[in-house]
């Protein structure tokens, strides 16, 4: 995802890197509610965060934001699960779909800081390989 917040919640204007080069944008960060955050990140990476308490519609919002990031050129997507407090089938399904979309786009997908109890549940369900977890 080569898009990121320009500090005002909007995407920056296109920047042409020269003849034959794709248009590039910095990658956005998204908060736990799926809203674009005003923060700086590296050019081809996008970061997302799963909240402690998942609200209705969060999983769908996560999928949509990951897809948007991929369409904008992100090639490394990271989902921080540090605050995730209990397994949620909708979020788990969304993460699997996000990982699949990243494979289709040739992007890397990382699920980071997964709490031990949730990691145990993911392993018990034999889904760790679908999420890229060891």
Foldseek 3Di string as FASTA:
>chain_A
DQWADPQPQDTDDWDDPDPPDDTGHAAFEAEQQLRTDRDGDHGQEYEYEHACDRDPPSLVSLLVSLVVSLVNHRQEYEYEDQNHNDDDPSNVVSLLVSLVVSVVSNHHYYYPNHDPVVVVVCVVVVCCVSNVHD
